[in-house]
Amino acid sequence: MSSPIKVATASLAGCFGCHMSLLDIDERLIDLVGHIQFDRSPLTDIKKVGPCDLGLIEGGVCNAENVEILKAFRRQCKILVAVGACAINGGVPAMRNQYSLAECLEEAYLHGTGIDNPQIPNDPELPLLLNQVHPIHEVVWIDYFLPGCPPSADTIFTFLDELLSGRPIQFAYQQIHYD
């Protein structure tokens, strides 16, 4: 590959573990540096995604801001990848889906807080919560799915290495199956 591909990353409703796995590639990152240029990511602190070849998204969709970010990534990225269980099926954040949003907010902010005059936050600066947490493929088209909670560094490296080299993306059984 002659020029580096532009890569953007984002974390929606999740724990940031998938980004940690990306960093866990360790010294193999050096092998990728000449082939990748980061756009929006925690490494660059760029807030808005620009035109990119590859977008890596972790986390589910739980609020209006997540929807905006995800749709911007889909518009700007030629290839969009759901990274990890939260992006693929909602993961741990989607455990709240068995309750109404009102029940979740009341439990978190009103019951048993030990605070005088507890209240549910109502600030226009806070993103509007969705009634349910959604996997990202329910909002936009996804080109690839990298399973795991989080996917291993080996899985992420294999994906990037094979994508960059133009080879079909194939994983060893242990990289995508969790017994």
C-alpha atoms as a PDB file:
ATOM      1  CA  MET A   1       0.000   0.000   0.000  1.00  0.00           C
ATOM      2  CA  SER A   2       1.528   3.299  -1.066  1.00  0.00           C
ATOM      3  CA  SER A   3      -0.147   5.929   1.085  1.00  0.00           C
ATOM      4  CA  PRO A   4      -1.413   5.434   4.625  1.00  0.00           C
ATOM      5  CA  ILE A   5      -5.090   4.727   5.126  1.00  0.00           C
ATOM      6  CA  LYS A   6      -6.971   7.134   7.326  1.00  0.00           C
ATOM      7  CA  VAL A   7      -8.457   5.486  10.442  1.00  0.00           C
ATOM      8  CA  ALA A   8     -10.910   6.950  12.927  1.00  0.00           C
ATOM      9  CA  THR A   9     -12.114   5.421  16.194  1.00  0.00           C
ATOM     10  CA  ALA A  10     -14.916   6.159  18.636  1.00  0.00           C
ATOM     11  CA  SER A  11     -16.266   4.753  21.862  1.00  0.00           C
ATOM     12  CA  LEU A  12     -20.015   5.008  22.392  1.00  0.00           C
ATOM     13  CA  ALA A  13     -21.770   3.311  25.360  1.00  0.00           C
ATOM     14  CA  GLY A  14     -19.060   0.963  26.579  1.00  0.00           C
ATOM     15  CA  CYS A  15     -16.025   0.734  28.792  1.00  0.00           C
ATOM     16  CA  PHE A  16     -13.202   1.676  26.396  1.00  0.00           C
ATOM     17  CA  GLY A  17     -11.835  -1.877  26.638  1.00  0.00           C
ATOM     18  CA  CYS A  18     -11.734  -2.297  22.860  1.00  0.00           C
ATOM     19  CA  HIS A  19      -9.500   0.755  22.526  1.00  0.00           C
ATOM     20  CA  MET A  20      -7.272  -0.781  25.201  1.00  0.00           C
ATOM     21  CA  SER A  21      -7.022  -3.944  23.082  1.00  0.00           C
ATOM     22  CA  LEU A  22      -5.986  -1.786  20.130  1.00  0.00           C
ATOM     23  CA  LEU A  23      -3.189  -0.364  22.275  1.00  0.00           C
ATOM     24  CA  ASP A  24      -2.340  -3.895  23.465  1.00  0.00           C
ATOM     25  CA  ILE A  25      -1.057  -4.620  19.956  1.00  0.00           C
ATOM     26  CA  ASP A  26       2.126  -3.248  21.561  1.00  0.00           C
ATOM     27  CA  GLU A  27       5.234  -3.290  19.367  1.00  0.00           C
ATOM     28  CA  ARG A  28       3.202  -4.508  16.382  1.00  0.00           C
ATOM     29  CA  LEU A  29       1.810  -0.971  16.253  1.00  0.00           C
ATOM     30  CA  ILE A  30       5.194  -0.027  14.795  1.00  0.00           C
ATOM     31  CA  ASP A  31       4.444  -2.362  11.871  1.00  0.00           C
ATOM     32  CA  LEU A  32       1.188  -0.456  11.277  1.00  0.00           C
ATOM     33  CA  VAL A  33       2.472   3.117  11.724  1.00  0.00           C
ATOM     34  CA  GLY A  34       3.628   3.512   8.127  1.00  0.00           C
ATOM     35  CA  HIS A  35       0.281   2.266   6.838  1.00  0.00           C
ATOM     36  CA  ILE A  36      -2.180   4.113   9.106  1.00  0.00           C
ATOM     37  CA  GLN A  37      -2.886   7.772   9.795  1.00  0.00           C
ATOM     38  CA  PHE A  38      -5.288   8.422  12.672  1.00  0.00           C
ATOM     39  CA  ASP A  39      -8.127  10.896  12.257  1.00  0.00           C
ATOM     40  CA  ARG A  40     -10.645  11.179  15.138  1.00  0.00           C
ATOM     41  CA  SER A  41      -9.397   9.028  18.012  1.00  0.00           C
ATOM     42  CA  PRO A  42      -8.259   9.367  21.610  1.00  0.00           C
ATOM     43  CA  LEU A  43      -4.701   9.416  20.266  1.00  0.00           C
ATOM     44  CA  THR A  44      -5.289  12.589  18.232  1.00  0.00           C
ATOM     45  CA  ASP A  45      -8.007  14.329  20.248  1.00  0.00           C
ATOM     46  CA  ILE A  46      -9.743  15.301  16.986  1.00  0.00           C
ATOM     47  CA  LYS A  47     -13.418  15.788  17.893  1.00  0.00           C
ATOM     48  CA  LYS A  48     -15.123  15.403  14.481  1.00  0.00           C
ATOM     49  CA  VAL A  49     -14.473  12.619  12.030  1.00  0.00           C
ATOM     50  CA  GLY A  50     -13.281  13.664   8.580  1.00  0.00           C
ATOM     51  CA  PRO A  51     -13.221  11.548   5.415  1.00  0.00           C
ATOM     52  CA  CYS A  52     -11.656   8.199   6.369  1.00  0.00           C
ATOM     53  CA  ASP A  53     -10.941   4.817   4.885  1.00  0.00           C
ATOM     54  CA  LEU A  54     -11.709   2.898   8.078  1.00  0.00           C
ATOM     55  CA  GLY A  55     -13.821   3.572  11.147  1.00  0.00           C
ATOM     56  CA  LEU A  56     -13.598   1.430  14.281  1.00  0.00           C
ATOM     57  CA  ILE A  57     -16.561   1.842  16.653  1.00  0.00           C
ATOM     58  CA  GLU A  58     -16.865   0.309  20.108  1.00  0.00           C
ATOM     59  CA  GLY A  59     -19.866   0.554  22.399  1.00  0.00           C
ATOM     60  CA  GLY A  60     -23.603   0.447  21.949  1.00  0.00           C
ATOM     61  CA  VAL A  61     -25.946   3.305  21.122  1.00  0.00           C
ATOM     62  CA  CYS A  62     -27.659   4.695  24.249  1.00  0.00           C
ATOM     63  CA  ASN A  63     -28.191   8.400  23.613  1.00  0.00           C
ATOM     64  CA  ALA A  64     -28.753  10.999  20.903  1.00  0.00           C
ATOM     65  CA  GLU A  65     -25.066  11.956  20.828  1.00  0.00           C
ATOM     66  CA  ASN A  66     -24.124   8.306  20.114  1.00  0.00           C
ATOM     67  CA  VAL A  67     -26.547   8.315  17.164  1.00  0.00           C
ATOM     68  CA  GLU A  68     -25.014  11.530  15.764  1.00  0.00           C
ATOM     69  CA  ILE A  69     -21.443  10.240  16.105  1.00  0.00           C
ATOM     70  CA  LEU A  70     -22.305   6.884  14.556  1.00  0.00           C
ATOM     71  CA  LYS A  71     -24.125   8.440  11.578  1.00  0.00           C
ATOM     72  CA  ALA A  72     -21.199  10.829  11.016  1.00  0.00           C
ATOM     73  CA  PHE A  73     -18.802   7.870  11.009  1.00  0.00           C
ATOM     74  CA  ARG A  74     -20.977   6.015   8.494  1.00  0.00           C
ATOM     75  CA  ARG A  75     -21.060   9.081   6.204  1.00  0.00           C
ATOM     76  CA  GLN A  76     -17.314   9.683   6.470  1.00  0.00           C
ATOM     77  CA  CYS A  77     -15.855   6.132   6.563  1.00  0.00           C
ATOM     78  CA  LYS A  78     -15.602   3.860   3.554  1.00  0.00           C
ATOM     79  CA  ILE A  79     -15.434   0.823   5.856  1.00  0.00           C
ATOM     80  CA  LEU A  80     -17.121   0.740   9.264  1.00  0.00           C
ATOM     81  CA  VAL A  81     -16.309  -1.921  11.855  1.00  0.00           C
ATOM     82  CA  ALA A  82     -18.309  -2.876  14.956  1.00  0.00           C
ATOM     83  CA  VAL A  83     -15.646  -3.679  17.559  1.00  0.00           C
ATOM     84  CA  GLY A  84     -16.642  -5.752  20.590  1.00  0.00           C
ATOM     85  CA  ALA A  85     -19.778  -7.094  22.213  1.00  0.00           C
ATOM     86  CA  CYS A  86     -21.299  -3.704  23.065  1.00  0.00           C
ATOM     87  CA  ALA A  87     -21.128  -2.552  19.434  1.00  0.00           C
ATOM     88  CA  ILE A  88     -22.316  -5.914  18.107  1.00  0.00           C
ATOM     89  CA  ASN A  89     -25.179  -6.717  20.496  1.00  0.00           C
ATOM     90  CA  GLY A  90     -25.373  -3.898  23.059  1.00  0.00           C
ATOM     91  CA  GLY A  91     -23.220  -5.737  25.610  1.00  0.00           C
ATOM     92  CA  VAL A  92     -23.384  -4.853  29.290  1.00  0.00           C
ATOM     93  CA  PRO A  93     -24.999  -1.411  28.687  1.00  0.00           C
ATOM     94  CA  ALA A  94     -27.970  -3.186  27.036  1.00  0.00           C
ATOM     95  CA  MET A  95     -28.714  -4.966  30.320  1.00  0.00           C
ATOM     96  CA  ARG A  96     -30.835  -1.921  31.126  1.00  0.00           C
ATOM     97  CA  ASN A  97     -33.169  -2.862  28.237  1.00  0.00           C
ATOM     98  CA  GLN A  98     -35.157  -5.136  30.532  1.00  0.00           C
ATOM     99  CA  TYR A  99     -36.317  -2.041  32.434  1.00  0.00           C
ATOM    100  CA  SER A 100     -37.983   1.158  31.332  1.00  0.00           C
ATOM    101  CA  LEU A 101     -35.816   4.238  31.057  1.00  0.00           C
ATOM    102  CA  ALA A 102     -37.815   5.843  33.875  1.00  0.00           C
ATOM    103  CA  GLU A 103     -37.084   2.869  36.163  1.00  0.00           C
ATOM    104  CA  CYS A 104     -33.351   3.092  35.399  1.00  0.00           C
ATOM    105  CA  LEU A 105     -33.195   6.825  36.075  1.00  0.00           C
ATOM    106  CA  GLU A 106     -35.206   6.555  39.280  1.00  0.00           C
ATOM    107  CA  GLU A 107     -33.013   3.752  40.596  1.00  0.00           C
ATOM    108  CA  ALA A 108     -29.797   5.545  39.712  1.00  0.00           C
ATOM    109  CA  TYR A 109     -30.691   9.024  40.895  1.00  0.00           C
ATOM    110  CA  LEU A 110     -33.567   8.850  43.391  1.00  0.00           C
ATOM    111  CA  HIS A 111     -33.545   5.607  45.384  1.00  0.00           C
ATOM    112  CA  GLY A 112     -30.958   5.065  48.074  1.00  0.00           C
ATOM    113  CA  THR A 113     -28.622   7.884  47.105  1.00  0.00           C
ATOM    114  CA  GLY A 114     -28.379   9.318  50.622  1.00  0.00           C
ATOM    115  CA  ILE A 115     -28.523  12.792  49.098  1.00  0.00           C
ATOM    116  CA  ASP A 116     -30.920  15.473  50.315  1.00  0.00           C
ATOM    117  CA  ASN A 117     -33.415  16.379  47.580  1.00  0.00           C
ATOM    118  CA  PRO A 118     -32.218  13.848  44.970  1.00  0.00           C
ATOM    119  CA  GLN A 119     -33.243  14.537  41.382  1.00  0.00           C
ATOM    120  CA  ILE A 120     -32.833  13.150  37.917  1.00  0.00           C
ATOM    121  CA  PRO A 121     -30.416  15.351  35.925  1.00  0.00           C
ATOM    122  CA  ASN A 122     -32.220  17.613  33.478  1.00  0.00           C
ATOM    123  CA  ASP A 123     -29.611  19.761  31.791  1.00  0.00           C
ATOM    124  CA  PRO A 124     -29.786  20.657  28.084  1.00  0.00           C
ATOM    125  CA  GLU A 125     -26.039  19.937  27.855  1.00  0.00           C
ATOM    126  CA  LEU A 126     -26.634  16.246  28.635  1.00  0.00           C
ATOM    127  CA  PRO A 127     -27.370  13.984  25.649  1.00  0.00           C
ATOM    128  CA  LEU A 128     -30.956  12.730  25.485  1.00  0.00           C
ATOM    129  CA  LEU A 129     -31.083   9.068  26.545  1.00  0.00           C
ATOM    130  CA  LEU A 130     -32.747   6.562  24.232  1.00  0.00           C
ATOM    131  CA  ASN A 131     -35.395   4.221  25.636  1.00  0.00           C
ATOM    132  CA  GLN A 132     -33.180   1.238  24.788  1.00  0.00           C
ATOM    133  CA  VAL A 133     -29.481   0.573  24.133  1.00  0.00           C
ATOM    134  CA  HIS A 134     -28.994  -0.577  20.539  1.00  0.00           C
ATOM    135  CA  PRO A 135     -26.208  -2.429  18.756  1.00  0.00           C
ATOM    136  CA  ILE A 136     -24.726  -0.175  16.110  1.00  0.00           C
ATOM    137  CA  HIS A 137     -25.964  -2.244  13.153  1.00  0.00           C
ATOM    138  CA  GLU A 138     -29.529  -1.243  14.101  1.00  0.00           C
ATOM    139  CA  VAL A 139     -28.610   2.372  13.321  1.00  0.00           C
ATOM    140  CA  VAL A 140     -26.168   2.179  10.370  1.00  0.00           C
ATOM    141  CA  TRP A 141     -24.741  -0.374   7.916  1.00  0.00           C
ATOM    142  CA  ILE A 142     -21.684  -2.192   9.292  1.00  0.00           C
ATOM    143  CA  ASP A 143     -19.069  -3.773   7.033  1.00  0.00           C
ATOM    144  CA  TYR A 144     -17.226  -5.961   9.558  1.00  0.00           C
ATOM    145  CA  PHE A 145     -17.808  -7.284  13.084  1.00  0.00           C
ATOM    146  CA  LEU A 146     -14.951  -8.042  15.509  1.00  0.00           C
ATOM    147  CA  PRO A 147     -16.432 -10.075  18.394  1.00  0.00           C
ATOM    148  CA  GLY A 148     -15.173 -10.246  21.950  1.00  0.00           C
ATOM    149  CA  CYS A 149     -15.415  -8.378  25.204  1.00  0.00           C
ATOM    150  CA  PRO A 150     -13.061  -6.963  24.222  1.00  0.00           C
ATOM    151  CA  PRO A 151     -11.635  -8.529  21.051  1.00  0.00           C
ATOM    152  CA  SER A 152      -8.060  -9.559  21.678  1.00  0.00           C
ATOM    153  CA  ALA A 153      -5.141  -7.498  20.441  1.00  0.00           C
ATOM    154  CA  ASP A 154      -4.315 -10.442  18.155  1.00  0.00           C
ATOM    155  CA  THR A 155      -7.785 -10.311  16.602  1.00  0.00           C
ATOM    156  CA  ILE A 156      -7.557  -6.571  15.984  1.00  0.00           C
ATOM    157  CA  PHE A 157      -4.030  -6.853  14.592  1.00  0.00           C
ATOM    158  CA  THR A 158      -5.016  -9.733  12.289  1.00  0.00           C
ATOM    159  CA  PHE A 159      -7.963  -7.716  11.007  1.00  0.00           C
ATOM    160  CA  LEU A 160      -5.877  -4.594  10.336  1.00  0.00           C
ATOM    161  CA  ASP A 161      -2.937  -6.526   8.869  1.00  0.00           C
ATOM    162  CA  GLU A 162      -5.096  -8.503   6.439  1.00  0.00           C
ATOM    163  CA  LEU A 163      -7.206  -5.489   5.491  1.00  0.00           C
ATOM    164  CA  LEU A 164      -4.092  -3.394   4.805  1.00  0.00           C
ATOM    165  CA  SER A 165      -2.496  -6.158   2.756  1.00  0.00           C
ATOM    166  CA  GLY A 166      -5.654  -6.763   0.733  1.00  0.00           C
ATOM    167  CA  ARG A 167      -5.918 -10.381   1.858  1.00  0.00           C
ATOM    168  CA  PRO A 168      -9.253 -11.969   2.769  1.00  0.00           C
ATOM    169  CA  ILE A 169      -9.843 -11.453   6.476  1.00  0.00           C
ATOM    170  CA  GLN A 170      -9.582 -14.792   8.244  1.00  0.00           C
ATOM    171  CA  PHE A 171      -9.192 -15.463  11.935  1.00  0.00           C
ATOM    172  CA  ALA A 172      -7.833 -18.431  13.814  1.00  0.00           C
ATOM    173  CA  TYR A 173     -10.612 -20.221  15.709  1.00  0.00           C
ATOM    174  CA  GLN A 174      -9.305 -18.972  19.066  1.00  0.00           C
ATOM    175  CA  GLN A 175      -9.410 -15.332  17.904  1.00  0.00           C
ATOM    176  CA  ILE A 176     -13.191 -15.196  17.389  1.00  0.00           C
ATOM    177  CA  HIS A 177     -14.651 -18.096  19.364  1.00  0.00           C
ATOM    178  CA  TYR A 178     -14.979 -18.023  23.115  1.00  0.00           C
ATOM    179  CA  ASP A 179     -15.414 -21.450  24.701  1.00  0.00           C
END
